[in-house]
Amino acid sequence: MIQEYFTRIENILQNFPNIRSYMVKTKVYSVRQGFISGSVVFDNEHALDFAEVKDTDIRSKVKYRYQYMNENREMIFRYENAPHHRYIDTFPHHKHISDDVRENSEPDLDDILFEIAGASRENT
């Protein structure tokens, strides 16, 4: 089951436009649990680093981080569920943008890719 999840993530990356290259690493903890991380480079030289700990028995991820960076590897935004910012209504889920922290529900990788694609279209 975790292998199916990993395959789904890889398929998303293989089929998403404007990705120049990507690298994915996985670690299987059990049939249902595992870790996946990766780095994606887009045509505009921006990059996305991500990591997820997933248990397929539950809908949400155990842990996640998606950090999108410009061509100089300066953060544009980061989604995560690190247990800080307890004042956020969506705790532990939140989004960092510059020096700001915003409420946010848990995203999926394809949500992040669509947000990046939308931002890229706005900047062209």
N, C-alpha and C. Protein backbone atom coordinates (compact mmCIF):
# COMPACT_ATOMS: atom_id res chain seq x y z
N MET A 1 0.80 -1.21 0.00
CA MET A 1 0.00 0.00 0.00
C MET A 1 0.84 1.26 0.00
N ILE A 2 1.92 1.30 0.79
CA ILE A 2 2.77 2.50 0.78
C ILE A 2 3.46 2.62 -0.56
N GLN A 3 3.80 1.49 -1.16
CA GLN A 3 4.45 1.53 -2.47
C GLN A 3 3.53 2.13 -3.52
N GLU A 4 2.23 1.87 -3.42
CA GLU A 4 1.25 2.48 -4.33
C GLU A 4 1.22 4.00 -4.14
N TYR A 5 1.32 4.44 -2.91
CA TYR A 5 1.35 5.88 -2.63
C TYR A 5 2.60 6.50 -3.26
N PHE A 6 3.74 5.86 -3.08
CA PHE A 6 4.99 6.36 -3.66
C PHE A 6 4.88 6.43 -5.19
N THR A 7 4.28 5.42 -5.80
CA THR A 7 4.10 5.38 -7.25
C THR A 7 3.21 6.53 -7.71
N ARG A 8 2.17 6.82 -6.94
CA ARG A 8 1.28 7.93 -7.28
C ARG A 8 2.03 9.26 -7.26
N ILE A 9 2.87 9.47 -6.27
CA ILE A 9 3.68 10.69 -6.18
C ILE A 9 4.61 10.79 -7.40
N GLU A 10 5.26 9.69 -7.73
CA GLU A 10 6.18 9.68 -8.87
C GLU A 10 5.43 9.97 -10.18
N ASN A 11 4.24 9.43 -10.33
CA ASN A 11 3.43 9.68 -11.53
C ASN A 11 3.04 11.15 -11.64
N ILE A 12 2.71 11.77 -10.52
CA ILE A 12 2.39 13.20 -10.52
C ILE A 12 3.58 13.99 -11.06
N LEU A 13 4.77 13.68 -10.57
CA LEU A 13 5.97 14.41 -11.00
C LEU A 13 6.31 14.14 -12.46
N GLN A 14 6.15 12.90 -12.91
CA GLN A 14 6.45 12.56 -14.30
C GLN A 14 5.54 13.27 -15.28
N ASN A 15 4.30 13.51 -14.89
CA ASN A 15 3.31 14.04 -15.82
C ASN A 15 3.03 15.52 -15.68
N PHE A 16 3.65 16.18 -14.71
CA PHE A 16 3.36 17.60 -14.50
C PHE A 16 4.22 18.43 -15.45
N PRO A 17 3.62 19.42 -16.13
CA PRO A 17 4.40 20.25 -17.07
C PRO A 17 5.36 21.19 -16.34
N ASN A 18 6.34 21.66 -17.07
CA ASN A 18 7.31 22.66 -16.60
C ASN A 18 8.29 22.14 -15.55
N ILE A 19 8.36 20.83 -15.37
CA ILE A 19 9.37 20.26 -14.49
C ILE A 19 10.56 19.84 -15.36
N ARG A 20 11.70 20.43 -15.09
CA ARG A 20 12.92 20.09 -15.84
C ARG A 20 13.50 18.77 -15.35
N SER A 21 13.57 18.61 -14.04
CA SER A 21 14.12 17.36 -13.48
C SER A 21 13.60 17.18 -12.06
N TYR A 22 13.68 15.95 -11.61
CA TYR A 22 13.33 15.68 -10.22
C TYR A 22 14.07 14.45 -9.74
N MET A 23 14.17 14.34 -8.43
CA MET A 23 14.81 13.21 -7.77
C MET A 23 13.92 12.84 -6.59
N VAL A 24 13.68 11.56 -6.41
CA VAL A 24 12.84 11.09 -5.31
C VAL A 24 13.58 9.97 -4.57
N LYS A 25 13.49 10.00 -3.25
CA LYS A 25 14.02 8.93 -2.39
C LYS A 25 12.88 8.41 -1.54
N THR A 26 12.83 7.12 -1.35
CA THR A 26 11.79 6.53 -0.50
C THR A 26 12.41 5.58 0.51
N LYS A 27 11.70 5.43 1.61
CA LYS A 27 12.08 4.45 2.62
C LYS A 27 10.80 3.80 3.11
N VAL A 28 10.72 2.49 3.02
CA VAL A 28 9.54 1.75 3.46
C VAL A 28 9.76 1.33 4.90
N TYR A 29 8.83 1.73 5.77
CA TYR A 29 8.88 1.32 7.18
C TYR A 29 8.09 0.03 7.38
N SER A 30 6.97 -0.08 6.68
CA SER A 30 6.11 -1.27 6.72
C SER A 30 5.25 -1.25 5.47
N VAL A 31 4.36 -2.19 5.33
CA VAL A 31 3.48 -2.25 4.16
C VAL A 31 2.68 -0.96 4.03
N ARG A 32 2.34 -0.31 5.14
CA ARG A 32 1.48 0.86 5.13
C ARG A 32 2.19 2.18 5.47
N GLN A 33 3.43 2.10 5.92
CA GLN A 33 4.11 3.31 6.38
C GLN A 33 5.43 3.51 5.65
N GLY A 34 5.73 4.79 5.38
CA GLY A 34 6.99 5.08 4.72
C GLY A 34 7.30 6.55 4.67
N PHE A 35 8.46 6.84 4.13
CA PHE A 35 8.99 8.19 4.00
C PHE A 35 9.33 8.43 2.54
N ILE A 36 8.97 9.59 2.03
CA ILE A 36 9.34 9.98 0.68
C ILE A 36 9.84 11.41 0.72
N SER A 37 10.93 11.66 -0.01
CA SER A 37 11.45 13.02 -0.12
C SER A 37 11.89 13.23 -1.55
N GLY A 38 11.97 14.49 -1.92
CA GLY A 38 12.38 14.76 -3.28
C GLY A 38 12.75 16.20 -3.50
N SER A 39 13.38 16.42 -4.64
CA SER A 39 13.75 17.75 -5.11
C SER A 39 13.29 17.86 -6.55
N VAL A 40 12.65 18.98 -6.85
CA VAL A 40 12.13 19.23 -8.19
C VAL A 40 12.74 20.53 -8.68
N VAL A 41 13.21 20.54 -9.93
CA VAL A 41 13.71 21.77 -10.55
C VAL A 41 12.78 22.07 -11.72
N PHE A 42 12.29 23.30 -11.75
CA PHE A 42 11.36 23.73 -12.78
C PHE A 42 12.11 24.42 -13.92
N ASP A 43 11.43 24.62 -15.04
CA ASP A 43 12.03 25.25 -16.21
C ASP A 43 12.58 26.64 -15.91
N ASN A 44 12.00 27.35 -14.95
CA ASN A 44 12.47 28.70 -14.60
C ASN A 44 13.58 28.70 -13.55
N GLU A 45 14.12 27.51 -13.25
CA GLU A 45 15.21 27.32 -12.28
C GLU A 45 14.75 27.41 -10.83
N HIS A 46 13.47 27.61 -10.59
CA HIS A 46 12.96 27.54 -9.22
C HIS A 46 12.97 26.07 -8.79
N ALA A 47 12.88 25.83 -7.49
CA ALA A 47 12.98 24.46 -6.99
C ALA A 47 11.96 24.21 -5.88
N LEU A 48 11.59 22.97 -5.75
CA LEU A 48 10.71 22.52 -4.67
C LEU A 48 11.39 21.34 -3.99
N ASP A 49 11.59 21.45 -2.69
CA ASP A 49 12.05 20.32 -1.88
C ASP A 49 10.87 19.87 -1.04
N PHE A 50 10.68 18.57 -0.93
CA PHE A 50 9.56 18.09 -0.13
C PHE A 50 9.94 16.82 0.61
N ALA A 51 9.19 16.57 1.68
CA ALA A 51 9.35 15.35 2.47
C ALA A 51 8.00 15.03 3.11
N GLU A 52 7.68 13.75 3.13
CA GLU A 52 6.44 13.29 3.74
C GLU A 52 6.70 12.00 4.50
N VAL A 53 6.09 11.88 5.66
CA VAL A 53 5.96 10.60 6.34
C VAL A 53 4.50 10.24 6.23
N LYS A 54 4.22 9.07 5.66
CA LYS A 54 2.84 8.71 5.35
C LYS A 54 2.51 7.34 5.92
N ASP A 55 1.30 7.25 6.47
CA ASP A 55 0.68 6.00 6.89
C ASP A 55 -0.60 5.88 6.09
N THR A 56 -0.71 4.90 5.22
CA THR A 56 -1.86 4.81 4.33
C THR A 56 -3.15 4.43 5.06
N ASP A 57 -3.07 4.07 6.33
CA ASP A 57 -4.27 3.79 7.11
C ASP A 57 -4.99 5.06 7.56
N ILE A 58 -4.31 6.19 7.49
CA ILE A 58 -4.93 7.46 7.87
C ILE A 58 -4.87 8.43 6.70
N ARG A 59 -5.85 9.30 6.63
CA ARG A 59 -5.94 10.24 5.50
C ARG A 59 -4.82 11.27 5.51
N SER A 60 -4.55 11.84 6.66
CA SER A 60 -3.54 12.89 6.72
C SER A 60 -2.13 12.29 6.79
N LYS A 61 -1.16 13.14 6.49
CA LYS A 61 0.23 12.72 6.58
C LYS A 61 0.69 12.82 8.03
N VAL A 62 1.59 11.97 8.43
CA VAL A 62 2.15 12.02 9.77
C VAL A 62 2.99 13.30 9.90
N LYS A 63 3.77 13.57 8.86
CA LYS A 63 4.62 14.75 8.84
C LYS A 63 4.84 15.15 7.39
N TYR A 64 4.95 16.46 7.14
CA TYR A 64 5.24 16.91 5.78
C TYR A 64 5.91 18.27 5.78
N ARG A 65 6.60 18.53 4.67
CA ARG A 65 7.21 19.83 4.41
C ARG A 65 7.34 19.98 2.90
N TYR A 66 6.89 21.12 2.38
CA TYR A 66 7.05 21.46 0.97
C TYR A 66 7.64 22.86 0.93
N GLN A 67 8.86 22.99 0.46
CA GLN A 67 9.51 24.30 0.42
C GLN A 67 9.82 24.67 -1.03
N TYR A 68 9.23 25.77 -1.47
CA TYR A 68 9.41 26.28 -2.82
C TYR A 68 10.39 27.45 -2.77
N MET A 69 11.39 27.43 -3.68
CA MET A 69 12.47 28.42 -3.64
C MET A 69 12.71 29.00 -5.03
N ASN A 70 13.22 30.22 -5.06
CA ASN A 70 13.56 30.84 -6.33
C ASN A 70 14.89 30.29 -6.85
N GLU A 71 15.35 30.86 -7.96
CA GLU A 71 16.58 30.36 -8.60
C GLU A 71 17.81 30.52 -7.72
N ASN A 72 17.77 31.41 -6.72
CA ASN A 72 18.87 31.59 -5.77
C ASN A 72 18.69 30.74 -4.51
N ARG A 73 17.70 29.89 -4.54
CA ARG A 73 17.34 28.98 -3.43
C ARG A 73 16.90 29.74 -2.19
N GLU A 74 16.30 30.92 -2.41
CA GLU A 74 15.68 31.68 -1.33
C GLU A 74 14.21 31.26 -1.26
N MET A 75 13.72 31.05 -0.05
CA MET A 75 12.36 30.55 0.13
C MET A 75 11.32 31.53 -0.41
N ILE A 76 10.38 30.98 -1.17
CA ILE A 76 9.20 31.73 -1.60
C ILE A 76 8.05 31.39 -0.66
N PHE A 77 7.86 30.09 -0.40
CA PHE A 77 6.89 29.65 0.61
C PHE A 77 7.26 28.26 1.09
N ARG A 78 6.70 27.93 2.26
CA ARG A 78 6.88 26.58 2.82
C ARG A 78 5.59 26.18 3.54
N TYR A 79 5.11 25.01 3.22
CA TYR A 79 4.00 24.40 3.94
C TYR A 79 4.59 23.32 4.85
N GLU A 80 4.04 23.21 6.07
CA GLU A 80 4.51 22.17 6.96
C GLU A 80 3.51 21.95 8.09
N ASN A 81 3.75 20.86 8.81
CA ASN A 81 2.94 20.60 9.99
C ASN A 81 3.82 20.42 11.24
N ALA A 82 4.94 21.13 11.25
CA ALA A 82 5.78 21.12 12.44
C ALA A 82 4.95 21.72 13.59
N PRO A 83 5.05 21.15 14.78
CA PRO A 83 4.17 21.56 15.87
C PRO A 83 4.61 22.84 16.59
N HIS A 84 4.71 23.91 15.83
CA HIS A 84 4.93 25.23 16.42
C HIS A 84 3.82 26.15 15.89
N HIS A 85 3.80 27.37 16.26
CA HIS A 85 2.74 28.32 15.88
C HIS A 85 1.38 27.81 16.38
N ARG A 86 1.32 27.52 17.64
CA ARG A 86 0.10 26.96 18.26
C ARG A 86 -1.08 27.92 18.21
N TYR A 87 -0.85 29.18 17.97
CA TYR A 87 -1.93 30.17 17.90
C TYR A 87 -2.70 30.10 16.58
N ILE A 88 -2.20 29.38 15.62
CA ILE A 88 -2.86 29.25 14.32
C ILE A 88 -4.06 28.31 14.46
N ASP A 89 -5.21 28.71 13.93
CA ASP A 89 -6.42 27.89 14.03
C ASP A 89 -6.29 26.54 13.34
N THR A 90 -5.43 26.46 12.34
CA THR A 90 -5.25 25.19 11.62
C THR A 90 -4.08 24.38 12.17
N PHE A 91 -3.60 24.74 13.36
CA PHE A 91 -2.47 24.05 13.99
C PHE A 91 -2.66 22.53 13.89
N PRO A 92 -1.63 21.80 13.48
CA PRO A 92 -0.25 22.25 13.23
C PRO A 92 0.01 22.67 11.78
N HIS A 93 -1.00 22.62 10.94
CA HIS A 93 -0.84 22.94 9.52
C HIS A 93 -0.71 24.45 9.32
N HIS A 94 0.31 24.86 8.56
CA HIS A 94 0.51 26.28 8.31
C HIS A 94 1.40 26.49 7.09
N LYS A 95 1.44 27.75 6.66
CA LYS A 95 2.23 28.14 5.49
C LYS A 95 3.09 29.34 5.86
N HIS A 96 4.37 29.24 5.55
CA HIS A 96 5.30 30.35 5.73
C HIS A 96 5.45 31.08 4.41
N ILE A 97 5.29 32.39 4.44
CA ILE A 97 5.57 33.25 3.29
C ILE A 97 6.38 34.41 3.82
N SER A 98 7.63 34.49 3.40
CA SER A 98 8.53 35.51 3.90
C SER A 98 8.57 35.43 5.42
N ASP A 99 8.25 36.51 6.12
CA ASP A 99 8.27 36.50 7.58
C ASP A 99 6.89 36.25 8.17
N ASP A 100 5.93 35.88 7.35
CA ASP A 100 4.55 35.69 7.77
C ASP A 100 4.22 34.20 7.90
N VAL A 101 3.36 33.88 8.85
CA VAL A 101 2.84 32.52 9.01
C VAL A 101 1.34 32.59 8.85
N ARG A 102 0.80 31.72 7.99
CA ARG A 102 -0.63 31.75 7.69
C ARG A 102 -1.28 30.41 7.97
N GLU A 103 -2.57 30.49 8.30
CA GLU A 103 -3.36 29.28 8.47
C GLU A 103 -3.48 28.57 7.13
N ASN A 104 -3.49 27.26 7.17
CA ASN A 104 -3.65 26.49 5.94
C ASN A 104 -3.99 25.06 6.28
N SER A 105 -4.82 24.47 5.45
CA SER A 105 -5.10 23.05 5.62
C SER A 105 -3.96 22.24 5.01
N GLU A 106 -3.94 20.96 5.28
CA GLU A 106 -2.87 20.10 4.77
C GLU A 106 -2.97 19.97 3.25
N PRO A 107 -1.92 20.36 2.53
CA PRO A 107 -1.95 20.23 1.07
C PRO A 107 -1.40 18.87 0.63
N ASP A 108 -1.66 18.55 -0.62
CA ASP A 108 -1.04 17.40 -1.28
C ASP A 108 -0.01 17.94 -2.26
N LEU A 109 0.86 17.08 -2.73
CA LEU A 109 1.90 17.52 -3.66
C LEU A 109 1.30 18.17 -4.90
N ASP A 110 0.23 17.60 -5.45
CA ASP A 110 -0.34 18.21 -6.65
C ASP A 110 -0.93 19.60 -6.36
N ASP A 111 -1.45 19.84 -5.14
CA ASP A 111 -1.90 21.19 -4.76
C ASP A 111 -0.74 22.18 -4.85
N ILE A 112 0.40 21.77 -4.34
CA ILE A 112 1.59 22.62 -4.34
C ILE A 112 2.03 22.90 -5.78
N LEU A 113 2.06 21.86 -6.60
CA LEU A 113 2.48 22.03 -7.99
C LEU A 113 1.54 22.96 -8.75
N PHE A 114 0.24 22.84 -8.51
CA PHE A 114 -0.71 23.74 -9.18
C PHE A 114 -0.53 25.19 -8.68
N GLU A 115 -0.23 25.37 -7.41
CA GLU A 115 0.03 26.72 -6.89
C GLU A 115 1.27 27.31 -7.56
N ILE A 116 2.32 26.50 -7.69
CA ILE A 116 3.55 26.95 -8.34
C ILE A 116 3.29 27.29 -9.80
N ALA A 117 2.54 26.44 -10.49
CA ALA A 117 2.22 26.69 -11.90
C ALA A 117 1.44 27.98 -12.07
N GLY A 118 0.48 28.21 -11.17
CA GLY A 118 -0.30 29.45 -11.22
C GLY A 118 0.56 30.67 -10.99
N ALA A 119 1.48 30.59 -10.04
CA ALA A 119 2.39 31.71 -9.76
C ALA A 119 3.31 31.96 -10.94
N SER A 120 3.75 30.89 -11.60
CA SER A 120 4.65 31.03 -12.75
C SER A 120 3.93 31.73 -13.90
N ARG A 121 2.67 31.40 -14.12
CA ARG A 121 1.89 32.04 -15.19
C ARG A 121 1.69 33.52 -14.90
N GLU A 122 1.48 33.85 -13.61
CA GLU A 122 1.28 35.26 -13.23
C GLU A 122 2.55 36.09 -13.45
N ASN A 123 3.71 35.45 -13.35
CA ASN A 123 4.98 36.16 -13.47
C ASN A 123 5.54 36.17 -14.88
N THR A 124 4.81 35.65 -15.85
CA THR A 124 5.32 35.65 -17.22
C THR A 124 4.63 36.69 -18.07
